[in-house]
PDB file of N, CA and C in Angstrom:
ATOM      1  N   MET A   1     -94.174 -68.908  24.021  1.00  0.00           N
ATOM      2  CA  MET A   1     -94.801 -70.001  22.656  1.00  0.00           C
ATOM      3  C   MET A   1     -96.068 -69.150  21.924  1.00  0.00           C
ATOM      4  N   THR A   2     -95.618 -69.133  20.632  1.00  0.00           N
ATOM      5  CA  THR A   2     -96.488 -68.445  19.616  1.00  0.00           C
ATOM      6  C   THR A   2     -97.722 -70.285  18.707  1.00  0.00           C
ATOM      7  N   VAL A   3     -98.998 -69.711  19.051  1.00  0.00           N
ATOM      8  CA  VAL A   3    -100.092 -70.671  18.597  1.00  0.00           C
ATOM      9  C   VAL A   3    -100.077 -70.000  17.249  1.00  0.00           C
ATOM     10  N   THR A   4    -100.105 -70.767  16.000  1.00  0.00           N
ATOM     11  CA  THR A   4    -100.166 -71.112  14.741  1.00  0.00           C
ATOM     12  C   THR A   4    -101.610 -71.175  14.329  1.00  0.00           C
ATOM     13  N   GLU A   5    -102.591 -70.720  14.041  1.00  0.00           N
ATOM     14  CA  GLU A   5    -104.245 -70.824  13.550  1.00  0.00           C
ATOM     15  C   GLU A   5    -103.691 -71.665  11.918  1.00  0.00           C
ATOM     16  N   SER A   6    -104.161 -73.098  12.434  1.00  0.00           N
ATOM     17  CA  SER A   6    -104.460 -74.060  10.963  1.00  0.00           C
ATOM     18  C   SER A   6    -105.607 -73.943   9.789  1.00  0.00           C
ATOM     19  N   HIS A   7    -106.910 -73.992  10.659  1.00  0.00           N
ATOM     20  CA  HIS A   7    -108.044 -73.731  10.026  1.00  0.00           C
ATOM     21  C   HIS A   7    -108.735 -72.284  10.418  1.00  0.00           C
ATOM     22  N   PHE A   8    -108.961 -71.799   9.037  1.00  0.00           N
ATOM     23  CA  PHE A   8    -109.857 -70.200   9.275  1.00  0.00           C
ATOM     24  C   PHE A   8    -111.266 -70.696   8.293  1.00  0.00           C
ATOM     25  N   ALA A   9    -112.237 -70.040   9.037  1.00  0.00           N
ATOM     26  CA  ALA A   9    -113.274 -69.737   8.075  1.00  0.00           C
ATOM     27  C   ALA A   9    -113.245 -69.237   6.613  1.00  0.00           C
ATOM     28  N   TYR A  10    -112.409 -68.123   5.985  1.00  0.00           N
ATOM     29  CA  TYR A  10    -112.757 -67.792   4.802  1.00  0.00           C
ATOM     30  C   TYR A  10    -111.406 -67.958   4.047  1.00  0.00           C
ATOM     31  N   ARG A  11    -111.408 -68.229   2.829  1.00  0.00           N
ATOM     32  CA  ARG A  11    -110.381 -68.272   2.454  1.00  0.00           C
ATOM     33  C   ARG A  11    -110.591 -67.342   0.757  1.00  0.00           C
ATOM     34  N   ILE A  12    -109.170 -66.369   0.423  1.00  0.00           N
ATOM     35  CA  ILE A  12    -109.216 -66.026  -0.413  1.00  0.00           C
ATOM     36  C   ILE A  12    -107.981 -66.351  -1.829  1.00  0.00           C
ATOM     37  N   ASP A  13    -108.310 -66.730  -3.105  1.00  0.00           N
ATOM     38  CA  ASP A  13    -107.620 -67.389  -3.541  1.00  0.00           C
ATOM     39  C   ASP A  13    -107.119 -66.664  -4.971  1.00  0.00           C
ATOM     40  N   ARG A  14    -106.542 -66.603  -5.743  1.00  0.00           N
ATOM     41  CA  ARG A  14    -106.364 -66.406  -7.534  1.00  0.00           C
ATOM     42  C   ARG A  14    -106.076 -67.374  -8.136  1.00  0.00           C
ATOM     43  N   TRP A  15    -107.140 -67.468  -9.291  1.00  0.00           N
ATOM     44  CA  TRP A  15    -107.162 -68.772 -10.465  1.00  0.00           C
ATOM     45  C   TRP A  15    -106.521 -68.321 -11.238  1.00  0.00           C
ATOM     46  N   ASP A  16    -106.147 -69.281 -12.420  1.00  0.00           N
ATOM     47  CA  ASP A  16    -105.805 -68.756 -12.971  1.00  0.00           C
ATOM     48  C   ASP A  16    -106.927 -69.894 -14.236  1.00  0.00           C
ATOM     49  N   ALA A  17    -106.388 -69.210 -15.755  1.00  0.00           N
ATOM     50  CA  ALA A  17    -108.069 -69.390 -16.973  1.00  0.00           C
ATOM     51  C   ALA A  17    -107.712 -70.973 -17.021  1.00  0.00           C
ATOM     52  N   ASP A  18    -106.974 -72.028 -16.430  1.00  0.00           N
ATOM     53  CA  ASP A  18    -107.658 -73.343 -16.559  1.00  0.00           C
ATOM     54  C   ASP A  18    -108.152 -73.498 -15.260  1.00  0.00           C
ATOM     55  N   GLY A  19    -108.683 -72.991 -14.184  1.00  0.00           N
ATOM     56  CA  GLY A  19    -109.303 -73.186 -13.369  1.00  0.00           C
ATOM     57  C   GLY A  19    -108.730 -73.720 -12.005  1.00  0.00           C
ATOM     58  N   SER A  20    -107.515 -73.199 -11.977  1.00  0.00           N
ATOM     59  CA  SER A  20    -106.451 -73.965 -10.784  1.00  0.00           C
ATOM     60  C   SER A  20    -106.188 -72.897  -9.958  1.00  0.00           C
ATOM     61  N   ILE A  21    -105.795 -73.111  -8.807  1.00  0.00           N
ATOM     62  CA  ILE A  21    -105.650 -72.389  -7.740  1.00  0.00           C
ATOM     63  C   ILE A  21    -103.864 -71.872  -8.089  1.00  0.00           C
ATOM     64  N   MET A  22    -103.511 -70.610  -8.574  1.00  0.00           N
ATOM     65  CA  MET A  22    -102.009 -70.237  -8.739  1.00  0.00           C
ATOM     66  C   MET A  22    -102.068 -69.579  -7.756  1.00  0.00           C
ATOM     67  N   GLU A  23    -102.585 -68.521  -6.397  1.00  0.00           N
ATOM     68  CA  GLU A  23    -101.786 -68.058  -5.861  1.00  0.00           C
ATOM     69  C   GLU A  23    -103.045 -68.167  -4.600  1.00  0.00           C
ATOM     70  N   HIS A  24    -102.324 -68.373  -3.462  1.00  0.00           N
ATOM     71  CA  HIS A  24    -103.715 -68.865  -1.816  1.00  0.00           C
ATOM     72  C   HIS A  24    -103.135 -67.235  -1.478  1.00  0.00           C
ATOM     73  N   VAL A  25    -104.100 -65.995  -1.481  1.00  0.00           N
ATOM     74  CA  VAL A  25    -103.500 -64.937  -1.436  1.00  0.00           C
ATOM     75  C   VAL A  25    -103.822 -64.693   0.854  1.00  0.00           C
ATOM     76  N   ALA A  26    -105.111 -65.675   0.716  1.00  0.00           N
ATOM     77  CA  ALA A  26    -105.371 -65.132   2.591  1.00  0.00           C
ATOM     78  C   ALA A  26    -106.084 -66.307   3.116  1.00  0.00           C
ATOM     79  N   ASP A  27    -106.062 -66.271   4.400  1.00  0.00           N
ATOM     80  CA  ASP A  27    -106.720 -66.948   5.449  1.00  0.00           C
ATOM     81  C   ASP A  27    -107.262 -66.098   6.760  1.00  0.00           C
ATOM     82  N   ILE A  28    -108.641 -65.687   6.817  1.00  0.00           N
ATOM     83  CA  ILE A  28    -109.354 -64.833   7.545  1.00  0.00           C
ATOM     84  C   ILE A  28    -110.314 -65.652   8.452  1.00  0.00           C
ATOM     85  N   ASP A  29    -110.778 -65.324   9.679  1.00  0.00           N
ATOM     86  CA  ASP A  29    -111.844 -65.741  10.075  1.00  0.00           C
ATOM     87  C   ASP A  29    -112.870 -65.036  10.279  1.00  0.00           C
ATOM     88  N   GLU A  30    -112.749 -63.347  10.043  1.00  0.00           N
ATOM     89  CA  GLU A  30    -113.780 -62.618  10.227  1.00  0.00           C
ATOM     90  C   GLU A  30    -114.475 -62.385   9.041  1.00  0.00           C
ATOM     91  N   LEU A  31    -115.574 -62.619   8.790  1.00  0.00           N
ATOM     92  CA  LEU A  31    -116.336 -61.842   7.353  1.00  0.00           C
ATOM     93  C   LEU A  31    -115.670 -60.606   6.848  1.00  0.00           C
ATOM     94  N   THR A  32    -116.030 -59.617   7.416  1.00  0.00           N
ATOM     95  CA  THR A  32    -115.675 -57.992   7.021  1.00  0.00           C
ATOM     96  C   THR A  32    -114.690 -58.041   7.180  1.00  0.00           C
ATOM     97  N   VAL A  33    -113.367 -58.675   7.284  1.00  0.00           N
ATOM     98  CA  VAL A  33    -112.285 -58.433   6.571  1.00  0.00           C
ATOM     99  C   VAL A  33    -111.980 -59.428   5.495  1.00  0.00           C
ATOM    100  N   ALA A  34    -112.506 -60.306   5.329  1.00  0.00           N
ATOM    101  CA  ALA A  34    -112.459 -61.406   4.331  1.00  0.00           C
ATOM    102  C   ALA A  34    -113.058 -60.534   3.211  1.00  0.00           C
ATOM    103  N   LYS A  35    -114.362 -60.267   3.220  1.00  0.00           N
ATOM    104  CA  LYS A  35    -114.972 -58.999   2.094  1.00  0.00           C
ATOM    105  C   LYS A  35    -113.431 -58.149   1.647  1.00  0.00           C
ATOM    106  N   ALA A  36    -113.211 -56.946   2.898  1.00  0.00           N
ATOM    107  CA  ALA A  36    -112.212 -56.012   2.184  1.00  0.00           C
ATOM    108  C   ALA A  36    -111.212 -56.983   1.714  1.00  0.00           C
ATOM    109  N   ILE A  37    -110.419 -57.707   1.924  1.00  0.00           N
ATOM    110  CA  ILE A  37    -109.336 -58.058   1.881  1.00  0.00           C
ATOM    111  C   ILE A  37    -109.358 -58.626   0.142  1.00  0.00           C
ATOM    112  N   TYR A  38    -111.036 -59.148  -0.171  1.00  0.00           N
ATOM    113  CA  TYR A  38    -111.271 -59.280  -0.765  1.00  0.00           C
ATOM    114  C   TYR A  38    -111.895 -58.336  -2.421  1.00  0.00           C
ATOM    115  N   GLU A  39    -111.745 -57.360  -2.185  1.00  0.00           N
ATOM    116  CA  GLU A  39    -111.891 -56.198  -2.472  1.00  0.00           C
ATOM    117  C   GLU A  39    -110.339 -55.413  -3.055  1.00  0.00           C
ATOM    118  N   ALA A  40    -109.658 -55.633  -2.185  1.00  0.00           N
ATOM    119  CA  ALA A  40    -108.609 -54.987  -2.684  1.00  0.00           C
ATOM    120  C   ALA A  40    -107.685 -56.111  -3.322  1.00  0.00           C
ATOM    121  N   ALA A  41    -108.229 -57.696  -3.639  1.00  0.00           N
ATOM    122  CA  ALA A  41    -106.933 -57.935  -4.270  1.00  0.00           C
ATOM    123  C   ALA A  41    -107.666 -57.598  -5.275  1.00  0.00           C
ATOM    124  N   CYS A  42    -109.331 -57.721  -5.519  1.00  0.00           N
ATOM    125  CA  CYS A  42    -109.678 -57.308  -7.003  1.00  0.00           C
ATOM    126  C   CYS A  42    -108.928 -56.128  -7.565  1.00  0.00           C
ATOM    127  N   LYS A  43    -108.491 -55.027  -7.104  1.00  0.00           N
ATOM    128  CA  LYS A  43    -108.445 -53.758  -7.343  1.00  0.00           C
ATOM    129  C   LYS A  43    -107.123 -54.145  -7.737  1.00  0.00           C
ATOM    130  N   GLN A  44    -105.963 -54.782  -6.218  1.00  0.00           N
ATOM    131  CA  GLN A  44    -104.972 -54.992  -6.955  1.00  0.00           C
ATOM    132  C   GLN A  44    -104.255 -55.654  -7.765  1.00  0.00           C
ATOM    133  N   TRP A  45    -105.566 -56.705  -8.407  1.00  0.00           N
ATOM    134  CA  TRP A  45    -105.081 -57.468  -9.451  1.00  0.00           C
ATOM    135  C   TRP A  45    -106.415 -57.745 -10.572  1.00  0.00           C
ATOM    136  N   PRO A  46    -106.518 -56.199 -11.175  1.00  0.00           N
ATOM    137  CA  PRO A  46    -107.989 -55.812 -12.399  1.00  0.00           C
ATOM    138  C   PRO A  46    -107.716 -57.135 -13.335  1.00  0.00           C
ATOM    139  N   GLY A  47    -108.867 -57.433 -13.307  1.00  0.00           N
ATOM    140  CA  GLY A  47    -108.929 -58.721 -14.466  1.00  0.00           C
ATOM    141  C   GLY A  47    -108.570 -60.054 -13.978  1.00  0.00           C
ATOM    142  N   ALA A  48    -108.551 -60.315 -12.825  1.00  0.00           N
ATOM    143  CA  ALA A  48    -107.679 -61.858 -12.311  1.00  0.00           C
ATOM    144  C   ALA A  48    -109.069 -62.043 -11.755  1.00  0.00           C
ATOM    145  N   ASN A  49    -108.631 -63.738 -11.577  1.00  0.00           N
ATOM    146  CA  ASN A  49    -110.020 -64.680 -11.412  1.00  0.00           C
ATOM    147  C   ASN A  49    -109.958 -64.847  -9.487  1.00  0.00           C
ATOM    148  N   ILE A  50    -110.950 -64.167  -9.119  1.00  0.00           N
ATOM    149  CA  ILE A  50    -110.366 -64.343  -7.634  1.00  0.00           C
ATOM    150  C   ILE A  50    -111.260 -64.598  -6.885  1.00  0.00           C
ATOM    151  N   THR A  51    -111.700 -65.533  -6.085  1.00  0.00           N
ATOM    152  CA  THR A  51    -112.492 -66.071  -5.274  1.00  0.00           C
ATOM    153  C   THR A  51    -112.448 -65.853  -3.680  1.00  0.00           C
ATOM    154  N   LEU A  52    -113.399 -65.479  -3.230  1.00  0.00           N
ATOM    155  CA  LEU A  52    -113.868 -65.366  -1.237  1.00  0.00           C
ATOM    156  C   LEU A  52    -114.566 -66.529  -0.881  1.00  0.00           C
ATOM    157  N   ARG A  53    -114.022 -67.768  -0.259  1.00  0.00           N
ATOM    158  CA  ARG A  53    -114.909 -68.721  -0.173  1.00  0.00           C
ATOM    159  C   ARG A  53    -114.820 -68.768   1.716  1.00  0.00           C
ATOM    160  N   GLN A  54    -115.814 -70.374   1.808  1.00  0.00           N
ATOM    161  CA  GLN A  54    -116.458 -70.767   3.060  1.00  0.00           C
ATOM    162  C   GLN A  54    -116.102 -71.838   2.755  1.00  0.00           C
ATOM    163  N   GLY A  55    -114.946 -72.638   3.395  1.00  0.00           N
ATOM    164  CA  GLY A  55    -115.054 -73.859   2.667  1.00  0.00           C
ATOM    165  C   GLY A  55    -115.391 -74.494   1.319  1.00  0.00           C
ATOM    166  N   ALA A  56    -116.078 -74.599   0.400  1.00  0.00           N
ATOM    167  CA  ALA A  56    -116.712 -75.120  -0.450  1.00  0.00           C
ATOM    168  C   ALA A  56    -117.636 -74.097  -1.234  1.00  0.00           C
ATOM    169  N   ARG A  57    -118.203 -72.926  -0.395  1.00  0.00           N
ATOM    170  CA  ARG A  57    -119.086 -72.636  -0.729  1.00  0.00           C
ATOM    171  C   ARG A  57    -117.850 -71.058  -1.148  1.00  0.00           C
ATOM    172  N   PHE A  58    -118.510 -70.274  -2.419  1.00  0.00           N
ATOM    173  CA  PHE A  58    -117.820 -69.247  -3.142  1.00  0.00           C
ATOM    174  C   PHE A  58    -118.912 -68.213  -2.347  1.00  0.00           C
ATOM    175  N   ILE A  59    -118.709 -67.248  -1.817  1.00  0.00           N
ATOM    176  CA  ILE A  59    -118.966 -66.426  -1.213  1.00  0.00           C
ATOM    177  C   ILE A  59    -119.398 -65.011  -2.033  1.00  0.00           C
ATOM    178  N   GLU A  60    -117.792 -64.922  -2.865  1.00  0.00           N
ATOM    179  CA  GLU A  60    -117.699 -63.811  -3.885  1.00  0.00           C
ATOM    180  C   GLU A  60    -116.637 -64.320  -4.926  1.00  0.00           C
ATOM    181  N   ASP A  61    -116.920 -63.816  -6.686  1.00  0.00           N
ATOM    182  CA  ASP A  61    -116.361 -64.645  -7.245  1.00  0.00           C
ATOM    183  C   ASP A  61    -116.311 -63.988  -8.590  1.00  0.00           C
ATOM    184  N   SER A  62    -114.926 -63.036  -8.934  1.00  0.00           N
ATOM    185  CA  SER A  62    -114.772 -62.238  -9.964  1.00  0.00           C
ATOM    186  C   SER A  62    -115.032 -62.239 -10.858  1.00  0.00           C
ATOM    187  N   ARG A  63    -115.663 -63.588 -11.441  1.00  0.00           N
ATOM    188  CA  ARG A  63    -115.634 -64.201 -12.797  1.00  0.00           C
ATOM    189  C   ARG A  63    -116.926 -64.245 -12.910  1.00  0.00           C
ATOM    190  N   ASN A  64    -117.741 -63.896 -11.760  1.00  0.00           N
ATOM    191  CA  ASN A  64    -119.323 -63.758 -11.867  1.00  0.00           C
ATOM    192  C   ASN A  64    -119.461 -62.328 -12.448  1.00  0.00           C
ATOM    193  N   ALA A  65    -118.994 -61.576 -11.598  1.00  0.00           N
ATOM    194  CA  ALA A  65    -118.835 -59.980 -11.689  1.00  0.00           C
ATOM    195  C   ALA A  65    -118.335 -59.637 -12.948  1.00  0.00           C
ATOM    196  N   ARG A  66    -117.970 -60.047 -13.785  1.00  0.00           N
ATOM    197  CA  ARG A  66    -117.842 -59.431 -14.897  1.00  0.00           C
ATOM    198  C   ARG A  66    -118.954 -59.297 -16.288  1.00  0.00           C
ATOM    199  N   VAL A  67    -118.420 -58.577 -16.878  1.00  0.00           N
ATOM    200  CA  VAL A  67    -119.526 -58.342 -17.797  1.00  0.00           C
ATOM    201  C   VAL A  67    -118.785 -59.177 -19.385  1.00  0.00           C
ATOM    202  N   THR A  68    -119.740 -59.929 -19.996  1.00  0.00           N
ATOM    203  CA  THR A  68    -119.657 -60.362 -20.928  1.00  0.00           C
ATOM    204  C   THR A  68    -119.875 -60.304 -22.729  1.00  0.00           C
TER     205      THR A  68
END
């Protein structure tokens, strides 16, 4: 029997311009792996709004990294 975990420590999402999640990219338990996936997602979708969160806390947010 395979056990599927339904709660993970970290979550990576892509957001639309209106501030709604348009795609859930990944759920991860390890912060190091989550940061690597976040960086890969930012490279995969340059200019996209991508976040790495732990619950409601934003750890990384591509919207804050941009120069305006």
